[in-house]
Amino acid sequence: MHPDIHLRLHHQRAAELHAQATQYARIPRPAPRHPLRTRLGWTMVEIGLRLAQHPPARPARIA
Protein backbone atom coordinates (compact mmCIF):
# COMPACT_ATOMS: atom_id res chain seq x y z
CA MET A 1 0.00 0.00 0.00
CA HIS A 2 1.28 3.43 -0.90
CA PRO A 3 2.35 5.49 2.16
CA ASP A 4 0.18 8.46 1.19
CA ILE A 5 -2.92 6.27 0.92
CA HIS A 6 -2.12 4.65 4.24
CA LEU A 7 -1.73 8.08 5.87
CA ARG A 8 -5.01 9.29 4.37
CA LEU A 9 -6.85 6.22 5.69
CA HIS A 10 -5.28 6.78 9.09
CA HIS A 11 -6.49 10.40 9.20
CA GLN A 12 -9.96 9.38 8.10
CA ARG A 13 -10.22 6.68 10.79
CA ALA A 14 -8.89 9.11 13.42
CA ALA A 15 -11.58 11.63 12.44
CA GLU A 16 -14.26 8.95 12.80
CA LEU A 17 -12.99 8.01 16.24
CA HIS A 18 -12.91 11.65 17.33
CA ALA A 19 -16.52 12.06 16.19
CA GLN A 20 -17.55 9.01 18.21
CA ALA A 21 -15.65 10.25 21.25
CA THR A 22 -17.46 13.60 21.22
CA GLN A 23 -20.79 11.77 21.30
CA TYR A 24 -19.78 9.87 24.42
CA ALA A 25 -18.24 12.94 26.05
CA ARG A 26 -21.64 14.64 26.14
CA ILE A 27 -23.06 11.99 28.47
CA PRO A 28 -22.77 13.22 32.06
CA ARG A 29 -20.88 10.80 34.25
CA PRO A 30 -21.42 10.41 37.98
CA ALA A 31 -18.73 11.80 40.24
CA PRO A 32 -16.15 9.16 41.07
CA ARG A 33 -16.30 7.87 44.61
CA HIS A 34 -13.18 7.31 46.61
CA PRO A 35 -12.97 3.62 47.28
CA LEU A 36 -11.91 2.33 50.65
CA ARG A 37 -8.54 1.27 49.30
CA THR A 38 -7.67 4.82 48.20
CA ARG A 39 -8.75 6.37 51.50
CA LEU A 40 -6.83 3.76 53.45
CA GLY A 41 -3.73 4.36 51.35
CA TRP A 42 -3.77 8.11 51.92
CA THR A 43 -4.37 7.59 55.65
CA MET A 44 -1.30 5.37 55.80
CA VAL A 45 0.75 8.00 53.94
CA GLU A 46 -0.41 10.67 56.41
CA ILE A 47 0.51 8.50 59.40
CA GLY A 48 3.91 7.74 57.86
CA LEU A 49 4.61 11.42 57.33
CA ARG A 50 3.68 12.22 60.92
CA LEU A 51 6.00 9.50 62.19
CA ALA A 52 8.83 10.74 59.98
CA GLN A 53 8.53 14.32 61.25
CA HIS A 54 8.93 13.51 64.92
CA PRO A 55 11.38 10.70 65.59
CA PRO A 56 10.86 9.01 68.95
CA ALA A 57 13.12 10.19 71.77
CA ARG A 58 15.57 7.49 72.82
CA PRO A 59 17.27 7.40 76.18
CA ALA A 60 21.07 7.41 76.13
CA ARG A 61 22.71 4.02 76.54
CA ILE A 62 25.42 3.57 79.05
CA ALA A 63 27.79 0.77 78.19
PDB file of N, CA and C in Angstrom:
ATOM      1  N   MET A   1       0.853  -1.175   0.000  1.00  0.00           N
ATOM      2  CA  MET A   1       0.000   0.000   0.000  1.00  0.00           C
ATOM      3  C   MET A   1       0.902   1.241   0.000  1.00  0.00           C
ATOM      4  N   HIS A   2       0.507   2.203  -0.784  1.00  0.00           N
ATOM      5  CA  HIS A   2       1.283   3.432  -0.901  1.00  0.00           C
ATOM      6  C   HIS A   2       1.221   4.211   0.412  1.00  0.00           C
ATOM      7  N   PRO A   3       2.345   4.793   0.862  1.00  0.00           N
ATOM      8  CA  PRO A   3       2.349   5.491   2.157  1.00  0.00           C
ATOM      9  C   PRO A   3       1.339   6.631   2.243  1.00  0.00           C
ATOM     10  N   ASP A   4       1.131   7.350   1.149  1.00  0.00           N
ATOM     11  CA  ASP A   4       0.178   8.458   1.187  1.00  0.00           C
ATOM     12  C   ASP A   4      -1.253   7.959   1.384  1.00  0.00           C
ATOM     13  N   ILE A   5      -1.581   6.839   0.760  1.00  0.00           N
ATOM     14  CA  ILE A   5      -2.922   6.270   0.921  1.00  0.00           C
ATOM     15  C   ILE A   5      -3.097   5.781   2.356  1.00  0.00           C
ATOM     16  N   HIS A   6      -2.074   5.140   2.865  1.00  0.00           N
ATOM     17  CA  HIS A   6      -2.122   4.650   4.243  1.00  0.00           C
ATOM     18  C   HIS A   6      -2.316   5.813   5.225  1.00  0.00           C
ATOM     19  N   LEU A   7      -1.600   6.909   5.006  1.00  0.00           N
ATOM     20  CA  LEU A   7      -1.729   8.079   5.874  1.00  0.00           C
ATOM     21  C   LEU A   7      -3.127   8.682   5.765  1.00  0.00           C
ATOM     22  N   ARG A   8      -3.664   8.740   4.569  1.00  0.00           N
ATOM     23  CA  ARG A   8      -5.014   9.288   4.365  1.00  0.00           C
ATOM     24  C   ARG A   8      -6.059   8.432   5.088  1.00  0.00           C
ATOM     25  N   LEU A   9      -5.919   7.101   4.988  1.00  0.00           N
ATOM     26  CA  LEU A   9      -6.850   6.223   5.693  1.00  0.00           C
ATOM     27  C   LEU A   9      -6.720   6.375   7.205  1.00  0.00           C
ATOM     28  N   HIS A  10      -5.501   6.574   7.662  1.00  0.00           N
ATOM     29  CA  HIS A  10      -5.282   6.781   9.093  1.00  0.00           C
ATOM     30  C   HIS A  10      -5.974   8.060   9.576  1.00  0.00           C
ATOM     31  N   HIS A  11      -5.837   9.136   8.825  1.00  0.00           N
ATOM     32  CA  HIS A  11      -6.485  10.400   9.205  1.00  0.00           C
ATOM     33  C   HIS A  11      -8.012  10.277   9.172  1.00  0.00           C
ATOM     34  N   GLN A  12      -8.520   9.559   8.191  1.00  0.00           N
ATOM     35  CA  GLN A  12      -9.964   9.378   8.099  1.00  0.00           C
ATOM     36  C   GLN A  12     -10.478   8.575   9.298  1.00  0.00           C
ATOM     37  N   ARG A  13      -9.786   7.497   9.653  1.00  0.00           N
ATOM     38  CA  ARG A  13     -10.217   6.683  10.795  1.00  0.00           C
ATOM     39  C   ARG A  13     -10.109   7.477  12.093  1.00  0.00           C
ATOM     40  N   ALA A  14      -9.060   8.287  12.227  1.00  0.00           N
ATOM     41  CA  ALA A  14      -8.895   9.115  13.421  1.00  0.00           C
ATOM     42  C   ALA A  14     -10.044  10.116  13.540  1.00  0.00           C
ATOM     43  N   ALA A  15     -10.459  10.690  12.421  1.00  0.00           N
ATOM     44  CA  ALA A  15     -11.576  11.634  12.441  1.00  0.00           C
ATOM     45  C   ALA A  15     -12.872  10.932  12.872  1.00  0.00           C
ATOM     46  N   GLU A  16     -13.072   9.701  12.395  1.00  0.00           N
ATOM     47  CA  GLU A  16     -14.263   8.952  12.800  1.00  0.00           C
ATOM     48  C   GLU A  16     -14.246   8.664  14.302  1.00  0.00           C
ATOM     49  N   LEU A  17     -13.098   8.286  14.811  1.00  0.00           N
ATOM     50  CA  LEU A  17     -12.989   8.005  16.243  1.00  0.00           C
ATOM     51  C   LEU A  17     -13.201   9.262  17.081  1.00  0.00           C
ATOM     52  N   HIS A  18     -12.696  10.386  16.616  1.00  0.00           N
ATOM     53  CA  HIS A  18     -12.914  11.652  17.331  1.00  0.00           C
ATOM     54  C   HIS A  18     -14.397  12.016  17.347  1.00  0.00           C
ATOM     55  N   ALA A  19     -15.088  11.774  16.243  1.00  0.00           N
ATOM     56  CA  ALA A  19     -16.519  12.064  16.192  1.00  0.00           C
ATOM     57  C   ALA A  19     -17.283  11.175  17.173  1.00  0.00           C
ATOM     58  N   GLN A  20     -16.905   9.905  17.257  1.00  0.00           N
ATOM     59  CA  GLN A  20     -17.555   9.010  18.211  1.00  0.00           C
ATOM     60  C   GLN A  20     -17.260   9.424  19.648  1.00  0.00           C
ATOM     61  N   ALA A  21     -16.038   9.863  19.894  1.00  0.00           N
ATOM     62  CA  ALA A  21     -15.649  10.254  21.245  1.00  0.00           C
ATOM     63  C   ALA A  21     -16.427  11.478  21.708  1.00  0.00           C
ATOM     64  N   THR A  22     -16.710  12.410  20.816  1.00  0.00           N
ATOM     65  CA  THR A  22     -17.460  13.601  21.221  1.00  0.00           C
ATOM     66  C   THR A  22     -18.899  13.243  21.576  1.00  0.00           C
ATOM     67  N   GLN A  23     -19.439  12.202  20.944  1.00  0.00           N
ATOM     68  CA  GLN A  23     -20.792  11.766  21.299  1.00  0.00           C
ATOM     69  C   GLN A  23     -20.820  11.222  22.721  1.00  0.00           C
ATOM     70  N   TYR A  24     -19.820  10.448  23.082  1.00  0.00           N
ATOM     71  CA  TYR A  24     -19.780   9.868  24.421  1.00  0.00           C
ATOM     72  C   TYR A  24     -19.391  10.896  25.467  1.00  0.00           C
ATOM     73  N   ALA A  25     -18.667  11.927  25.093  1.00  0.00           N
ATOM     74  CA  ALA A  25     -18.236  12.940  26.045  1.00  0.00           C
ATOM     75  C   ALA A  25     -19.415  13.783  26.526  1.00  0.00           C
ATOM     76  N   ARG A  26     -20.483  13.831  25.759  1.00  0.00           N
ATOM     77  CA  ARG A  26     -21.642  14.644  26.135  1.00  0.00           C
ATOM     78  C   ARG A  26     -22.488  13.989  27.223  1.00  0.00           C
ATOM     79  N   ILE A  27     -22.285  12.710  27.458  1.00  0.00           N
ATOM     80  CA  ILE A  27     -23.061  11.987  28.471  1.00  0.00           C
ATOM     81  C   ILE A  27     -22.483  12.338  29.842  1.00  0.00           C
ATOM     82  N   PRO A  28     -23.305  12.902  30.743  1.00  0.00           N
ATOM     83  CA  PRO A  28     -22.772  13.221  32.063  1.00  0.00           C
ATOM     84  C   PRO A  28     -22.451  11.946  32.843  1.00  0.00           C
ATOM     85  N   ARG A  29     -21.307  11.954  33.467  1.00  0.00           N
ATOM     86  CA  ARG A  29     -20.884  10.800  34.248  1.00  0.00           C
ATOM     87  C   ARG A  29     -21.006  11.128  35.727  1.00  0.00           C
ATOM     88  N   PRO A  30     -21.344  10.148  36.543  1.00  0.00           N
ATOM     89  CA  PRO A  30     -21.421  10.409  37.982  1.00  0.00           C
ATOM     90  C   PRO A  30     -20.027  10.696  38.543  1.00  0.00           C
ATOM     91  N   ALA A  31     -20.001  11.466  39.610  1.00  0.00           N
ATOM     92  CA  ALA A  31     -18.726  11.805  40.236  1.00  0.00           C
ATOM     93  C   ALA A  31     -18.083  10.535  40.792  1.00  0.00           C
ATOM     94  N   PRO A  32     -16.784  10.377  40.572  1.00  0.00           N
ATOM     95  CA  PRO A  32     -16.149   9.159  41.072  1.00  0.00           C
ATOM     96  C   PRO A  32     -16.084   9.155  42.596  1.00  0.00           C
ATOM     97  N   ARG A  33     -16.380   8.009  43.169  1.00  0.00           N
ATOM     98  CA  ARG A  33     -16.301   7.872  44.614  1.00  0.00           C
ATOM     99  C   ARG A  33     -14.919   7.368  44.979  1.00  0.00           C
ATOM    100  N   HIS A  34     -14.479   7.770  46.152  1.00  0.00           N
ATOM    101  CA  HIS A  34     -13.183   7.305  46.608  1.00  0.00           C
ATOM    102  C   HIS A  34     -13.359   5.953  47.280  1.00  0.00           C
ATOM    103  N   PRO A  35     -12.822   4.930  46.671  1.00  0.00           N
ATOM    104  CA  PRO A  35     -12.974   3.617  47.277  1.00  0.00           C
ATOM    105  C   PRO A  35     -12.183   3.517  48.580  1.00  0.00           C
ATOM    106  N   LEU A  36     -12.536   2.529  49.345  1.00  0.00           N
ATOM    107  CA  LEU A  36     -11.909   2.327  50.649  1.00  0.00           C
ATOM    108  C   LEU A  36     -10.400   2.164  50.519  1.00  0.00           C
ATOM    109  N   ARG A  37      -9.967   1.494  49.489  1.00  0.00           N
ATOM    110  CA  ARG A  37      -8.536   1.266  49.301  1.00  0.00           C
ATOM    111  C   ARG A  37      -7.771   2.579  49.152  1.00  0.00           C
ATOM    112  N   THR A  38      -8.326   3.532  48.403  1.00  0.00           N
ATOM    113  CA  THR A  38      -7.670   4.816  48.204  1.00  0.00           C
ATOM    114  C   THR A  38      -7.622   5.604  49.506  1.00  0.00           C
ATOM    115  N   ARG A  39      -8.736   5.640  50.227  1.00  0.00           N
ATOM    116  CA  ARG A  39      -8.752   6.371  51.500  1.00  0.00           C
ATOM    117  C   ARG A  39      -7.791   5.754  52.504  1.00  0.00           C
ATOM    118  N   LEU A  40      -7.744   4.430  52.545  1.00  0.00           N
ATOM    119  CA  LEU A  40      -6.832   3.755  53.455  1.00  0.00           C
ATOM    120  C   LEU A  40      -5.384   4.052  53.089  1.00  0.00           C
ATOM    121  N   GLY A  41      -5.092   4.066  51.802  1.00  0.00           N
ATOM    122  CA  GLY A  41      -3.732   4.364  51.351  1.00  0.00           C
ATOM    123  C   GLY A  41      -3.285   5.755  51.756  1.00  0.00           C
ATOM    124  N   TRP A  42      -4.132   6.744  51.556  1.00  0.00           N
ATOM    125  CA  TRP A  42      -3.771   8.112  51.920  1.00  0.00           C
ATOM    126  C   TRP A  42      -3.667   8.275  53.428  1.00  0.00           C
ATOM    127  N   THR A  43      -4.478   7.546  54.188  1.00  0.00           N
ATOM    128  CA  THR A  43      -4.373   7.588  55.646  1.00  0.00           C
ATOM    129  C   THR A  43      -3.030   7.029  56.089  1.00  0.00           C
ATOM    130  N   MET A  44      -2.597   5.945  55.454  1.00  0.00           N
ATOM    131  CA  MET A  44      -1.298   5.367  55.798  1.00  0.00           C
ATOM    132  C   MET A  44      -0.150   6.319  55.438  1.00  0.00           C
ATOM    133  N   VAL A  45      -0.272   7.018  54.319  1.00  0.00           N
ATOM    134  CA  VAL A  45       0.749   8.002  53.944  1.00  0.00           C
ATOM    135  C   VAL A  45       0.804   9.115  54.975  1.00  0.00           C
ATOM    136  N   GLU A  46      -0.357   9.597  55.409  1.00  0.00           N
ATOM    137  CA  GLU A  46      -0.410  10.668  56.409  1.00  0.00           C
ATOM    138  C   GLU A  46       0.224  10.220  57.731  1.00  0.00           C
ATOM    139  N   ILE A  47      -0.069   9.017  58.163  1.00  0.00           N
ATOM    140  CA  ILE A  47       0.513   8.500  59.405  1.00  0.00           C
ATOM    141  C   ILE A  47       2.031   8.373  59.252  1.00  0.00           C
ATOM    142  N   GLY A  48       2.472   7.876  58.111  1.00  0.00           N
ATOM    143  CA  GLY A  48       3.906   7.740  57.864  1.00  0.00           C
ATOM    144  C   GLY A  48       4.619   9.086  57.891  1.00  0.00           C
ATOM    145  N   LEU A  49       4.002  10.094  57.313  1.00  0.00           N
ATOM    146  CA  LEU A  49       4.614  11.423  57.327  1.00  0.00           C
ATOM    147  C   LEU A  49       4.674  11.993  58.739  1.00  0.00           C
ATOM    148  N   ARG A  50       3.648  11.741  59.527  1.00  0.00           N
ATOM    149  CA  ARG A  50       3.676  12.218  60.917  1.00  0.00           C
ATOM    150  C   ARG A  50       4.770  11.523  61.713  1.00  0.00           C
ATOM    151  N   LEU A  51       4.947  10.240  61.495  1.00  0.00           N
ATOM    152  CA  LEU A  51       5.996   9.504  62.195  1.00  0.00           C
ATOM    153  C   LEU A  51       7.385   9.961  61.752  1.00  0.00           C
ATOM    154  N   ALA A  52       7.526  10.316  60.494  1.00  0.00           N
ATOM    155  CA  ALA A  52       8.826  10.744  59.983  1.00  0.00           C
ATOM    156  C   ALA A  52       9.200  12.139  60.483  1.00  0.00           C
ATOM    157  N   GLN A  53       8.240  12.967  60.796  1.00  0.00           N
ATOM    158  CA  GLN A  53       8.527  14.324  61.253  1.00  0.00           C
ATOM    159  C   GLN A  53       9.067  14.344  62.666  1.00  0.00           C
ATOM    160  N   HIS A  54       8.547  13.508  63.518  1.00  0.00           N
ATOM    161  CA  HIS A  54       8.933  13.514  64.925  1.00  0.00           C
ATOM    162  C   HIS A  54       9.506  12.153  65.307  1.00  0.00           C
ATOM    163  N   PRO A  55      10.829  11.991  65.198  1.00  0.00           N
ATOM    164  CA  PRO A  55      11.380  10.698  65.588  1.00  0.00           C
ATOM    165  C   PRO A  55      11.239  10.502  67.097  1.00  0.00           C
ATOM    166  N   PRO A  56      11.033   9.265  67.511  1.00  0.00           N
ATOM    167  CA  PRO A  56      10.857   9.012  68.949  1.00  0.00           C
ATOM    168  C   PRO A  56      12.144   9.330  69.734  1.00  0.00           C
ATOM    169  N   ALA A  57      11.970   9.874  70.916  1.00  0.00           N
ATOM    170  CA  ALA A  57      13.117  10.187  71.766  1.00  0.00           C
ATOM    171  C   ALA A  57      13.648   8.903  72.362  1.00  0.00           C
ATOM    172  N   ARG A  58      14.952   8.694  72.272  1.00  0.00           N
ATOM    173  CA  ARG A  58      15.573   7.488  72.825  1.00  0.00           C
ATOM    174  C   ARG A  58      16.467   7.869  74.000  1.00  0.00           C
ATOM    175  N   PRO A  59      16.376   7.130  75.056  1.00  0.00           N
ATOM    176  CA  PRO A  59      17.271   7.403  76.176  1.00  0.00           C
ATOM    177  C   PRO A  59      18.702   7.001  75.826  1.00  0.00           C
ATOM    178  N   ALA A  60      19.664   7.694  76.400  1.00  0.00           N
ATOM    179  CA  ALA A  60      21.068   7.408  76.127  1.00  0.00           C
ATOM    180  C   ALA A  60      21.448   6.080  76.732  1.00  0.00           C
ATOM    181  N   ARG A  61      22.247   5.310  76.018  1.00  0.00           N
ATOM    182  CA  ARG A  61      22.708   4.023  76.538  1.00  0.00           C
ATOM    183  C   ARG A  61      24.041   4.198  77.242  1.00  0.00           C
ATOM    184  N   ILE A  62      24.143   3.545  78.330  1.00  0.00           N
ATOM    185  CA  ILE A  62      25.418   3.565  79.053  1.00  0.00           C
ATOM    186  C   ILE A  62      25.994   2.163  78.951  1.00  0.00           C
ATOM    187  N   ALA A  63      27.182   2.087  78.391  1.00  0.00           N
ATOM    188  CA  ALA A  63      27.786   0.766  78.188  1.00  0.00           C
ATOM    189  C   ALA A  63      28.518   0.266  79.370  1.00  0.00           C
TER     190      ALA A  63
END
